[in-house]
Every structure is written in structure tokens, then in C-alpha cells.
Amino acid sequence: VLGKFAGIFEDKESRDIARVAPDLIKMLESFGLVEGARVVDVGCGTGL
């Protein structure tokens, strides 16, 4: 299961979110993703 879905969820070639993950984190830092924050990741999947 993990081999199949990790390959899908974390594939930088086929999934934009995996490819731009570092940039996404930087963007979220402007919207509450800061030290001391409580964050909920709904449907975290394989933990990308």
C-alpha cells in the first residue's frame, strides 16, 4: 500500500504539490505557519 501511494503522493514529476513543497511551506509561513502555531493537516496521507 505504502509503495503504491507514496509513489503517487510524493512523485515530483506527476504531482505539483510534491514538486513545489518547499515553496508551499514558505508561502504558508505568511499565513500562520509560524513558530508556536498549532496546525492541523487533514488527510495527511503518507506525510509529504
All heavy atoms as atom14 arrays in JSON, in Angstrom:
{
  "sequence": "VLGKFAGIFEDKESRDIARVAPDLIKMLESFGLVEGARVVDVGCGTGL",
  "atom14_mask": [
    [1, 1, 1, 1, 1, 1, 1, 0, 0, 0, 0, 0, 0, 0],
    [1, 1, 1, 1, 1, 1, 1, 1, 0, 0, 0, 0, 0, 0],
    [1, 1, 1, 1, 0, 0, 0, 0, 0, 0, 0, 0, 0, 0],
    [1, 1, 1, 1, 1, 1, 1, 1, 1, 0, 0, 0, 0, 0],
    [1, 1, 1, 1, 1, 1, 1, 1, 1, 1, 1, 0, 0, 0],
    [1, 1, 1, 1, 1, 0, 0, 0, 0, 0, 0, 0, 0, 0],
    [1, 1, 1, 1, 0, 0, 0, 0, 0, 0, 0, 0, 0, 0],
    [1, 1, 1, 1, 1, 1, 1, 1, 0, 0, 0, 0, 0, 0],
    [1, 1, 1, 1, 1, 1, 1, 1, 1, 1, 1, 0, 0, 0],
    [1, 1, 1, 1, 1, 1, 1, 1, 1, 0, 0, 0, 0, 0],
    [1, 1, 1, 1, 1, 1, 1, 1, 0, 0, 0, 0, 0, 0],
    [1, 1, 1, 1, 1, 1, 1, 1, 1, 0, 0, 0, 0, 0],
    [1, 1, 1, 1, 1, 1, 1, 1, 1, 0, 0, 0, 0, 0],
    [1, 1, 1, 1, 1, 1, 0, 0, 0, 0, 0, 0, 0, 0],
    [1, 1, 1, 1, 1, 1, 1, 1, 1, 1, 1, 0, 0, 0],
    [1, 1, 1, 1, 1, 1, 1, 1, 0, 0, 0, 0, 0, 0],
    [1, 1, 1, 1, 1, 1, 1, 1, 0, 0, 0, 0, 0, 0],
    [1, 1, 1, 1, 1, 0, 0, 0, 0, 0, 0, 0, 0, 0],
    [1, 1, 1, 1, 1, 1, 1, 1, 1, 1, 1, 0, 0, 0],
    [1, 1, 1, 1, 1, 1, 1, 0, 0, 0, 0, 0, 0, 0],
    [1, 1, 1, 1, 1, 0, 0, 0, 0, 0, 0, 0, 0, 0],
    [1, 1, 1, 1, 1, 1, 1, 0, 0, 0, 0, 0, 0, 0],
    [1, 1, 1, 1, 1, 1, 1, 1, 0, 0, 0, 0, 0, 0],
    [1, 1, 1, 1, 1, 1, 1, 1, 0, 0, 0, 0, 0, 0],
    [1, 1, 1, 1, 1, 1, 1, 1, 0, 0, 0, 0, 0, 0],
    [1, 1, 1, 1, 1, 1, 1, 1, 1, 0, 0, 0, 0, 0],
    [1, 1, 1, 1, 1, 1, 1, 1, 0, 0, 0, 0, 0, 0],
    [1, 1, 1, 1, 1, 1, 1, 1, 0, 0, 0, 0, 0, 0],
    [1, 1, 1, 1, 1, 1, 1, 1, 1, 0, 0, 0, 0, 0],
    [1, 1, 1, 1, 1, 1, 0, 0, 0, 0, 0, 0, 0, 0],
    [1, 1, 1, 1, 1, 1, 1, 1, 1, 1, 1, 0, 0, 0],
    [1, 1, 1, 1, 0, 0, 0, 0, 0, 0, 0, 0, 0, 0],
    [1, 1, 1, 1, 1, 1, 1, 1, 0, 0, 0, 0, 0, 0],
    [1, 1, 1, 1, 1, 1, 1, 0, 0, 0, 0, 0, 0, 0],
    [1, 1, 1, 1, 1, 1, 1, 1, 1, 0, 0, 0, 0, 0],
    [1, 1, 1, 1, 0, 0, 0, 0, 0, 0, 0, 0, 0, 0],
    [1, 1, 1, 1, 1, 0, 0, 0, 0, 0, 0, 0, 0, 0],
    [1, 1, 1, 1, 1, 1, 1, 1, 1, 1, 1, 0, 0, 0],
    [1, 1, 1, 1, 1, 1, 1, 0, 0, 0, 0, 0, 0, 0],
    [1, 1, 1, 1, 1, 1, 1, 0, 0, 0, 0, 0, 0, 0],
    [1, 1, 1, 1, 1, 1, 1, 1, 0, 0, 0, 0, 0, 0],
    [1, 1, 1, 1, 1, 1, 1, 0, 0, 0, 0, 0, 0, 0],
    [1, 1, 1, 1, 0, 0, 0, 0, 0, 0, 0, 0, 0, 0],
    [1, 1, 1, 1, 1, 1, 0, 0, 0, 0, 0, 0, 0, 0],
    [1, 1, 1, 1, 0, 0, 0, 0, 0, 0, 0, 0, 0, 0],
    [1, 1, 1, 1, 1, 1, 1, 0, 0, 0, 0, 0, 0, 0],
    [1, 1, 1, 1, 0, 0, 0, 0, 0, 0, 0, 0, 0, 0],
    [1, 1, 1, 1, 1, 1, 1, 1, 0, 0, 0, 0, 0, 0]
  ],
  "atom14_positions": [
    [[0.83, -1.21, 0.0], [0.0, 0.0, 0.0], [0.87, 1.26, 0.0], [0.67, 2.17, -0.81], [-0.94, 0.01, 1.22], [-1.69, 1.34, 1.3], [-1.9, -1.16, 1.15], [0.0, 0.0, 0.0], [0.0, 0.0, 0.0], [0.0, 0.0, 0.0], [0.0, 0.0, 0.0], [0.0, 0.0, 0.0], [0.0, 0.0, 0.0], [0.0, 0.0, 0.0]],
    [[1.83, 1.3, 0.9], [2.67, 2.49, 1.02], [3.53, 2.69, -0.23], [3.76, 3.82, -0.67], [3.55, 2.38, 2.26], [2.79, 2.41, 3.58], [3.72, 2.09, 4.74], [2.14, 3.77, 3.81], [0.0, 0.0, 0.0], [0.0, 0.0, 0.0], [0.0, 0.0, 0.0], [0.0, 0.0, 0.0], [0.0, 0.0, 0.0], [0.0, 0.0, 0.0]],
    [[4.01, 1.58, -0.8], [4.8, 1.69, -2.01], [4.0, 2.3, -3.15], [4.5, 3.16, -3.88], [0.0, 0.0, 0.0], [0.0, 0.0, 0.0], [0.0, 0.0, 0.0], [0.0, 0.0, 0.0], [0.0, 0.0, 0.0], [0.0, 0.0, 0.0], [0.0, 0.0, 0.0], [0.0, 0.0, 0.0], [0.0, 0.0, 0.0], [0.0, 0.0, 0.0]],
    [[2.75, 1.9, -3.25], [1.89, 2.42, -4.31], [1.58, 3.9, -4.09], [1.79, 4.73, -4.98], [0.58, 1.63, -4.36], [-0.45, 2.22, -5.32], [-1.77, 1.46, -5.26], [-2.81, 2.13, -6.15], [-4.12, 1.41, -6.1], [0.0, 0.0, 0.0], [0.0, 0.0, 0.0], [0.0, 0.0, 0.0], [0.0, 0.0, 0.0], [0.0, 0.0, 0.0]],
    [[1.08, 4.24, -2.9], [0.59, 5.59, -2.68], [1.71, 6.6, -2.44], [1.58, 7.77, -2.8], [-0.42, 5.61, -1.54], [-1.76, 5.07, -1.95], [-2.13, 3.77, -1.65], [-2.64, 5.85, -2.67], [-3.35, 3.26, -2.03], [-3.88, 5.35, -3.06], [-4.23, 4.05, -2.75], [0.0, 0.0, 0.0], [0.0, 0.0, 0.0], [0.0, 0.0, 0.0]],
    [[2.8, 6.18, -1.82], [3.93, 7.1, -1.68], [4.46, 7.47, -3.05], [4.85, 8.61, -3.31], [5.04, 6.47, -0.84], [0.0, 0.0, 0.0], [0.0, 0.0, 0.0], [0.0, 0.0, 0.0], [0.0, 0.0, 0.0], [0.0, 0.0, 0.0], [0.0, 0.0, 0.0], [0.0, 0.0, 0.0], [0.0, 0.0, 0.0], [0.0, 0.0, 0.0]],
    [[4.44, 6.5, -3.96], [4.86, 6.77, -5.33], [3.96, 7.77, -6.02], [4.41, 8.55, -6.87], [0.0, 0.0, 0.0], [0.0, 0.0, 0.0], [0.0, 0.0, 0.0], [0.0, 0.0, 0.0], [0.0, 0.0, 0.0], [0.0, 0.0, 0.0], [0.0, 0.0, 0.0], [0.0, 0.0, 0.0], [0.0, 0.0, 0.0], [0.0, 0.0, 0.0]],
    [[2.68, 7.76, -5.66], [1.73, 8.71, -6.25], [1.81, 10.06, -5.56], [1.96, 11.11, -6.2], [0.29, 8.16, -6.15], [0.16, 6.88, -6.98], [-0.72, 9.2, -6.61], [-1.17, 6.17, -6.8], [0.0, 0.0, 0.0], [0.0, 0.0, 0.0], [0.0, 0.0, 0.0], [0.0, 0.0, 0.0], [0.0, 0.0, 0.0], [0.0, 0.0, 0.0]],
    [[1.72, 10.05, -4.23], [1.63, 11.29, -3.47], [2.93, 12.1, -3.5], [2.9, 13.32, -3.44], [1.27, 11.0, -2.01], [-0.11, 10.41, -1.83], [-0.42, 9.72, -0.67], [-1.08, 10.53, -2.8], [-1.68, 9.17, -0.48], [-2.34, 9.99, -2.63], [-2.63, 9.3, -1.47], [0.0, 0.0, 0.0], [0.0, 0.0, 0.0], [0.0, 0.0, 0.0]],
    [[4.06, 11.41, -3.55], [5.34, 12.1, -3.39], [6.16, 12.17, -4.67], [7.34, 12.52, -4.64], [6.14, 11.4, -2.27], [5.37, 11.4, -0.95], [6.1, 10.71, 0.19], [7.34, 10.63, 0.12], [5.44, 10.24, 1.13], [0.0, 0.0, 0.0], [0.0, 0.0, 0.0], [0.0, 0.0, 0.0], [0.0, 0.0, 0.0], [0.0, 0.0, 0.0]],
    [[5.52, 11.88, -5.79], [6.2, 11.92, -7.09], [6.26, 13.36, -7.61], [5.25, 13.94, -7.99], [5.45, 11.04, -8.09], [6.14, 10.97, -9.44], [7.2, 11.59, -9.6], [5.61, 10.29, -10.34], [0.0, 0.0, 0.0], [0.0, 0.0, 0.0], [0.0, 0.0, 0.0], [0.0, 0.0, 0.0], [0.0, 0.0, 0.0], [0.0, 0.0, 0.0]],
    [[7.44, 13.92, -7.65], [7.62, 15.31, -8.06], [7.35, 15.52, -9.55], [7.12, 16.64, -9.99], [9.03, 15.78, -7.71], [9.31, 15.81, -6.21], [10.73, 16.27, -5.92], [11.0, 16.27, -4.43], [12.38, 16.71, -4.12], [0.0, 0.0, 0.0], [0.0, 0.0, 0.0], [0.0, 0.0, 0.0], [0.0, 0.0, 0.0], [0.0, 0.0, 0.0]],
    [[7.42, 14.45, -10.32], [7.19, 14.57, -11.75], [5.71, 14.67, -12.09], [5.32, 15.39, -13.0], [7.8, 13.36, -12.48], [9.31, 13.28, -12.37], [10.01, 14.48, -13.0], [9.53, 14.95, -14.06], [11.02, 14.93, -12.44], [0.0, 0.0, 0.0], [0.0, 0.0, 0.0], [0.0, 0.0, 0.0], [0.0, 0.0, 0.0], [0.0, 0.0, 0.0]],
    [[4.87, 13.97, -11.34], [3.45, 13.91, -11.68], [2.56, 14.72, -10.73], [1.39, 14.95, -11.05], [2.97, 12.45, -11.69], [3.1, 11.88, -10.4], [0.0, 0.0, 0.0], [0.0, 0.0, 0.0], [0.0, 0.0, 0.0], [0.0, 0.0, 0.0], [0.0, 0.0, 0.0], [0.0, 0.0, 0.0], [0.0, 0.0, 0.0], [0.0, 0.0, 0.0]],
    [[3.1, 15.15, -9.61], [2.26, 15.85, -8.63], [2.87, 17.19, -8.28], [3.94, 17.28, -7.68], [2.12, 14.99, -7.37], [0.97, 15.44, -6.46], [0.73, 14.43, -5.36], [-0.46, 14.74, -4.6], [-0.47, 14.92, -3.28], [0.65, 14.79, -2.58], [-1.6, 15.19, -2.65], [0.0, 0.0, 0.0], [0.0, 0.0, 0.0], [0.0, 0.0, 0.0]],
    [[2.16, 18.23, -8.66], [2.66, 19.59, -8.45], [3.01, 19.86, -7.0], [4.02, 20.49, -6.69], [1.63, 20.62, -8.92], [1.73, 20.9, -10.41], [2.61, 20.32, -11.05], [0.91, 21.69, -10.92], [0.0, 0.0, 0.0], [0.0, 0.0, 0.0], [0.0, 0.0, 0.0], [0.0, 0.0, 0.0], [0.0, 0.0, 0.0], [0.0, 0.0, 0.0]],
    [[2.15, 19.41, -6.09], [2.35, 19.72, -4.68], [3.65, 19.13, -4.16], [4.35, 19.75, -3.37], [1.14, 19.24, -3.85], [-0.07, 20.12, -4.17], [1.44, 19.27, -2.36], [-1.36, 19.64, -3.59], [0.0, 0.0, 0.0], [0.0, 0.0, 0.0], [0.0, 0.0, 0.0], [0.0, 0.0, 0.0], [0.0, 0.0, 0.0], [0.0, 0.0, 0.0]],
    [[3.98, 17.93, -4.61], [5.25, 17.32, -4.21], [6.42, 18.11, -4.77], [7.44, 18.3, -4.09], [5.31, 15.87, -4.68], [0.0, 0.0, 0.0], [0.0, 0.0, 0.0], [0.0, 0.0, 0.0], [0.0, 0.0, 0.0], [0.0, 0.0, 0.0], [0.0, 0.0, 0.0], [0.0, 0.0, 0.0], [0.0, 0.0, 0.0], [0.0, 0.0, 0.0]],
    [[6.27, 18.58, -5.99], [7.36, 19.3, -6.63], [7.64, 20.65, -5.98], [8.78, 21.09, -5.87], [7.04, 19.49, -8.12], [8.1, 20.26, -8.91], [7.8, 20.19, -10.4], [6.47, 20.67, -10.72], [6.15, 21.95, -10.84], [7.06, 22.89, -10.64], [4.92, 22.31, -11.14], [0.0, 0.0, 0.0], [0.0, 0.0, 0.0], [0.0, 0.0, 0.0]],
    [[6.58, 21.32, -5.54], [6.75, 22.68, -5.02], [6.63, 22.72, -3.49], [6.42, 23.8, -2.93], [5.73, 23.65, -5.66], [5.89, 23.69, -7.16], [4.3, 23.26, -5.27], [0.0, 0.0, 0.0], [0.0, 0.0, 0.0], [0.0, 0.0, 0.0], [0.0, 0.0, 0.0], [0.0, 0.0, 0.0], [0.0, 0.0, 0.0], [0.0, 0.0, 0.0]],
    [[6.77, 21.58, -2.83], [6.58, 21.52, -1.38], [7.37, 22.58, -0.62], [6.82, 23.25, 0.26], [6.91, 20.12, -0.86], [0.0, 0.0, 0.0], [0.0, 0.0, 0.0], [0.0, 0.0, 0.0], [0.0, 0.0, 0.0], [0.0, 0.0, 0.0], [0.0, 0.0, 0.0], [0.0, 0.0, 0.0], [0.0, 0.0, 0.0], [0.0, 0.0, 0.0]],
    [[8.66, 22.8, -0.9], [9.41, 23.83, -0.17], [8.81, 25.23, -0.36], [8.72, 26.01, 0.59], [10.82, 23.74, -0.76], [10.92, 22.34, -1.27], [9.55, 22.04, -1.82], [0.0, 0.0, 0.0], [0.0, 0.0, 0.0], [0.0, 0.0, 0.0], [0.0, 0.0, 0.0], [0.0, 0.0, 0.0], [0.0, 0.0, 0.0], [0.0, 0.0, 0.0]],
    [[8.39, 25.53, -1.59], [7.78, 26.83, -1.85], [6.43, 26.95, -1.15], [6.05, 28.04, -0.69], [7.6, 27.04, -3.36], [8.92, 27.14, -4.09], [9.9, 27.6, -3.48], [8.97, 26.73, -5.26], [0.0, 0.0, 0.0], [0.0, 0.0, 0.0], [0.0, 0.0, 0.0], [0.0, 0.0, 0.0], [0.0, 0.0, 0.0], [0.0, 0.0, 0.0]],
    [[5.71, 25.85, -1.09], [4.41, 25.86, -0.42], [4.58, 26.17, 1.06], [3.83, 26.97, 1.63], [3.74, 24.51, -0.6], [2.4, 24.29, 0.11], [1.4, 25.33, -0.32], [1.88, 22.88, -0.19], [0.0, 0.0, 0.0], [0.0, 0.0, 0.0], [0.0, 0.0, 0.0], [0.0, 0.0, 0.0], [0.0, 0.0, 0.0], [0.0, 0.0, 0.0]],
    [[5.58, 25.58, 1.69], [5.85, 25.86, 3.1], [6.19, 27.33, 3.29], [5.69, 27.98, 4.23], [6.99, 24.96, 3.61], [6.55, 23.5, 3.65], [7.43, 25.41, 5.0], [5.44, 23.19, 4.6], [0.0, 0.0, 0.0], [0.0, 0.0, 0.0], [0.0, 0.0, 0.0], [0.0, 0.0, 0.0], [0.0, 0.0, 0.0], [0.0, 0.0, 0.0]],
    [[6.99, 27.88, 2.41], [7.35, 29.3, 2.52], [6.12, 30.19, 2.4], [5.98, 31.18, 3.12], [8.37, 29.66, 1.44], [9.75, 29.07, 1.65], [10.71, 29.49, 0.55], [12.09, 28.88, 0.76], [13.03, 29.25, -0.35], [0.0, 0.0, 0.0], [0.0, 0.0, 0.0], [0.0, 0.0, 0.0], [0.0, 0.0, 0.0], [0.0, 0.0, 0.0]],
    [[5.22, 29.84, 1.49], [4.0, 30.61, 1.34], [3.15, 30.54, 2.6], [2.63, 31.56, 3.08], [3.21, 30.1, 0.15], [1.95, 30.92, -0.14], [0.76, 30.03, -1.16], [0.14, 28.83, 0.03], [0.0, 0.0, 0.0], [0.0, 0.0, 0.0], [0.0, 0.0, 0.0], [0.0, 0.0, 0.0], [0.0, 0.0, 0.0], [0.0, 0.0, 0.0]],
    [[3.02, 29.33, 3.16], [2.19, 29.17, 4.34], [2.77, 29.89, 5.56], [2.02, 30.25, 6.48], [2.02, 27.68, 4.65], [1.18, 26.89, 3.65], [1.23, 25.4, 3.97], [-0.26, 27.39, 3.66], [0.0, 0.0, 0.0], [0.0, 0.0, 0.0], [0.0, 0.0, 0.0], [0.0, 0.0, 0.0], [0.0, 0.0, 0.0], [0.0, 0.0, 0.0]],
    [[4.06, 30.15, 5.56], [4.67, 30.89, 6.66], [4.14, 32.32, 6.74], [4.21, 32.96, 7.78], [6.19, 30.9, 6.5], [6.84, 29.55, 6.8], [8.32, 29.5, 6.49], [8.82, 30.49, 5.89], [8.97, 28.5, 6.82], [0.0, 0.0, 0.0], [0.0, 0.0, 0.0], [0.0, 0.0, 0.0], [0.0, 0.0, 0.0], [0.0, 0.0, 0.0]],
    [[3.58, 32.79, 5.64], [2.97, 34.12, 5.63], [1.52, 34.09, 6.09], [0.89, 35.13, 6.24], [3.04, 34.72, 4.22], [4.37, 34.84, 3.78], [0.0, 0.0, 0.0], [0.0, 0.0, 0.0], [0.0, 0.0, 0.0], [0.0, 0.0, 0.0], [0.0, 0.0, 0.0], [0.0, 0.0, 0.0], [0.0, 0.0, 0.0], [0.0, 0.0, 0.0]],
    [[1.0, 32.88, 6.33], [-0.41, 32.74, 6.66], [-0.63, 31.87, 7.9], [-1.57, 31.08, 7.96], [-1.18, 32.16, 5.48], [-1.24, 33.06, 4.29], [-0.28, 32.97, 3.3], [-2.23, 34.01, 4.16], [-0.31, 33.81, 2.19], [-2.28, 34.86, 3.06], [-1.31, 34.75, 2.07], [0.0, 0.0, 0.0], [0.0, 0.0, 0.0], [0.0, 0.0, 0.0]],
    [[0.27, 32.01, 8.86], [0.03, 31.33, 10.13], [0.93, 30.16, 10.44], [0.89, 29.64, 11.57], [0.0, 0.0, 0.0], [0.0, 0.0, 0.0], [0.0, 0.0, 0.0], [0.0, 0.0, 0.0], [0.0, 0.0, 0.0], [0.0, 0.0, 0.0], [0.0, 0.0, 0.0], [0.0, 0.0, 0.0], [0.0, 0.0, 0.0], [0.0, 0.0, 0.0]],
    [[1.72, 29.71, 9.48], [2.64, 28.61, 9.75], [3.92, 29.19, 10.32], [4.91, 29.39, 9.64], [2.94, 27.82, 8.46], [3.84, 26.59, 8.64], [3.2, 25.55, 9.54], [4.19, 25.98, 7.29], [0.0, 0.0, 0.0], [0.0, 0.0, 0.0], [0.0, 0.0, 0.0], [0.0, 0.0, 0.0], [0.0, 0.0, 0.0], [0.0, 0.0, 0.0]],
    [[3.87, 29.48, 11.63], [4.98, 30.14, 12.3], [5.31, 29.38, 13.59], [4.55, 28.51, 14.03], [4.63, 31.61, 12.63], [4.41, 32.41, 11.36], [3.39, 31.68, 13.52], [0.0, 0.0, 0.0], [0.0, 0.0, 0.0], [0.0, 0.0, 0.0], [0.0, 0.0, 0.0], [0.0, 0.0, 0.0], [0.0, 0.0, 0.0], [0.0, 0.0, 0.0]],
    [[6.42, 29.72, 14.16], [6.82, 29.07, 15.41], [5.75, 29.28, 16.48], [5.25, 30.39, 16.69], [8.16, 29.63, 15.88], [8.72, 28.92, 17.1], [10.14, 29.34, 17.43], [10.72, 30.12, 16.66], [10.66, 28.88, 18.47], [0.0, 0.0, 0.0], [0.0, 0.0, 0.0], [0.0, 0.0, 0.0], [0.0, 0.0, 0.0], [0.0, 0.0, 0.0]],
    [[5.39, 28.21, 17.13], [4.39, 28.28, 18.19], [2.97, 28.03, 17.72], [2.05, 27.95, 18.54], [0.0, 0.0, 0.0], [0.0, 0.0, 0.0], [0.0, 0.0, 0.0], [0.0, 0.0, 0.0], [0.0, 0.0, 0.0], [0.0, 0.0, 0.0], [0.0, 0.0, 0.0], [0.0, 0.0, 0.0], [0.0, 0.0, 0.0], [0.0, 0.0, 0.0]],
    [[2.77, 27.89, 16.42], [1.41, 27.69, 15.89], [0.95, 26.25, 16.07], [1.74, 25.32, 16.15], [1.37, 28.05, 14.4], [0.0, 0.0, 0.0], [0.0, 0.0, 0.0], [0.0, 0.0, 0.0], [0.0, 0.0, 0.0], [0.0, 0.0, 0.0], [0.0, 0.0, 0.0], [0.0, 0.0, 0.0], [0.0, 0.0, 0.0], [0.0, 0.0, 0.0]],
    [[-0.38, 26.09, 16.15], [-0.97, 24.75, 16.12], [-1.59, 24.56, 14.74], [-2.43, 25.35, 14.31], [-2.04, 24.58, 17.19], [-2.79, 23.25, 17.08], [-3.71, 23.02, 18.26], [-2.94, 22.6, 19.43], [-3.22, 22.95, 20.68], [-4.24, 23.76, 20.91], [-2.48, 22.51, 21.68], [0.0, 0.0, 0.0], [0.0, 0.0, 0.0], [0.0, 0.0, 0.0]],
    [[-1.15, 23.51, 14.05], [-1.56, 23.26, 12.67], [-2.22, 21.89, 12.57], [-1.74, 20.92, 13.16], [-0.34, 23.32, 11.71], [-0.77, 23.01, 10.28], [0.33, 24.68, 11.79], [0.0, 0.0, 0.0], [0.0, 0.0, 0.0], [0.0, 0.0, 0.0], [0.0, 0.0, 0.0], [0.0, 0.0, 0.0], [0.0, 0.0, 0.0], [0.0, 0.0, 0.0]],
    [[-3.32, 21.81, 11.83], [-3.98, 20.53, 11.56], [-3.87, 20.25, 10.07], [-4.28, 21.07, 9.25], [-5.47, 20.55, 11.99], [-6.15, 19.25, 11.58], [-5.59, 20.77, 13.49], [0.0, 0.0, 0.0], [0.0, 0.0, 0.0], [0.0, 0.0, 0.0], [0.0, 0.0, 0.0], [0.0, 0.0, 0.0], [0.0, 0.0, 0.0], [0.0, 0.0, 0.0]],
    [[-3.31, 19.1, 9.73], [-3.2, 18.66, 8.34], [-4.23, 17.55, 8.13], [-4.03, 16.42, 8.58], [-1.78, 18.16, 8.06], [-1.55, 17.82, 6.59], [-2.5, 17.96, 5.8], [-0.42, 17.43, 6.25], [0.0, 0.0, 0.0], [0.0, 0.0, 0.0], [0.0, 0.0, 0.0], [0.0, 0.0, 0.0], [0.0, 0.0, 0.0], [0.0, 0.0, 0.0]],
    [[-5.32, 17.88, 7.46], [-6.42, 16.94, 7.27], [-6.11, 16.05, 6.06], [-5.87, 16.52, 4.97], [-7.75, 17.69, 7.02], [-8.89, 16.71, 6.76], [-8.07, 18.6, 8.2], [0.0, 0.0, 0.0], [0.0, 0.0, 0.0], [0.0, 0.0, 0.0], [0.0, 0.0, 0.0], [0.0, 0.0, 0.0], [0.0, 0.0, 0.0], [0.0, 0.0, 0.0]],
    [[-6.14, 14.75, 6.29], [-5.81, 13.82, 5.21], [-4.33, 13.88, 4.89], [-3.93, 14.11, 3.76], [0.0, 0.0, 0.0], [0.0, 0.0, 0.0], [0.0, 0.0, 0.0], [0.0, 0.0, 0.0], [0.0, 0.0, 0.0], [0.0, 0.0, 0.0], [0.0, 0.0, 0.0], [0.0, 0.0, 0.0], [0.0, 0.0, 0.0], [0.0, 0.0, 0.0]],
    [[-3.52, 13.63, 5.88], [-2.06, 13.81, 5.78], [-1.41, 12.8, 4.84], [-0.27, 13.0, 4.41], [-1.44, 13.71, 7.18], [0.28, 14.21, 7.29], [0.0, 0.0, 0.0], [0.0, 0.0, 0.0], [0.0, 0.0, 0.0], [0.0, 0.0, 0.0], [0.0, 0.0, 0.0], [0.0, 0.0, 0.0], [0.0, 0.0, 0.0], [0.0, 0.0, 0.0]],
    [[-2.11, 11.72, 4.52], [-1.58, 10.75, 3.58], [-0.33, 10.05, 4.08], [-0.28, 9.54, 5.19], [0.0, 0.0, 0.0], [0.0, 0.0, 0.0], [0.0, 0.0, 0.0], [0.0, 0.0, 0.0], [0.0, 0.0, 0.0], [0.0, 0.0, 0.0], [0.0, 0.0, 0.0], [0.0, 0.0, 0.0], [0.0, 0.0, 0.0], [0.0, 0.0, 0.0]],
    [[0.7, 10.06, 3.25], [1.96, 9.43, 3.63], [2.91, 10.4, 4.33], [4.06, 10.06, 4.6], [2.66, 8.83, 2.39], [2.84, 9.86, 1.4], [1.84, 7.7, 1.8], [0.0, 0.0, 0.0], [0.0, 0.0, 0.0], [0.0, 0.0, 0.0], [0.0, 0.0, 0.0], [0.0, 0.0, 0.0], [0.0, 0.0, 0.0], [0.0, 0.0, 0.0]],
    [[2.42, 11.61, 4.61], [3.23, 12.56, 5.38], [4.19, 13.39, 4.55], [5.28, 13.73, 5.02], [0.0, 0.0, 0.0], [0.0, 0.0, 0.0], [0.0, 0.0, 0.0], [0.0, 0.0, 0.0], [0.0, 0.0, 0.0], [0.0, 0.0, 0.0], [0.0, 0.0, 0.0], [0.0, 0.0, 0.0], [0.0, 0.0, 0.0], [0.0, 0.0, 0.0]],
    [[3.78, 13.75, 3.35], [4.63, 14.54, 2.46], [5.18, 15.78, 3.13], [6.36, 16.11, 3.01], [3.84, 14.93, 1.2], [4.54, 15.89, 0.23], [5.75, 15.22, -0.4], [3.55, 16.37, -0.84], [0.0, 0.0, 0.0], [0.0, 0.0, 0.0], [0.0, 0.0, 0.0], [0.0, 0.0, 0.0], [0.0, 0.0, 0.0], [0.0, 0.0, 0.0]]
  ]
}
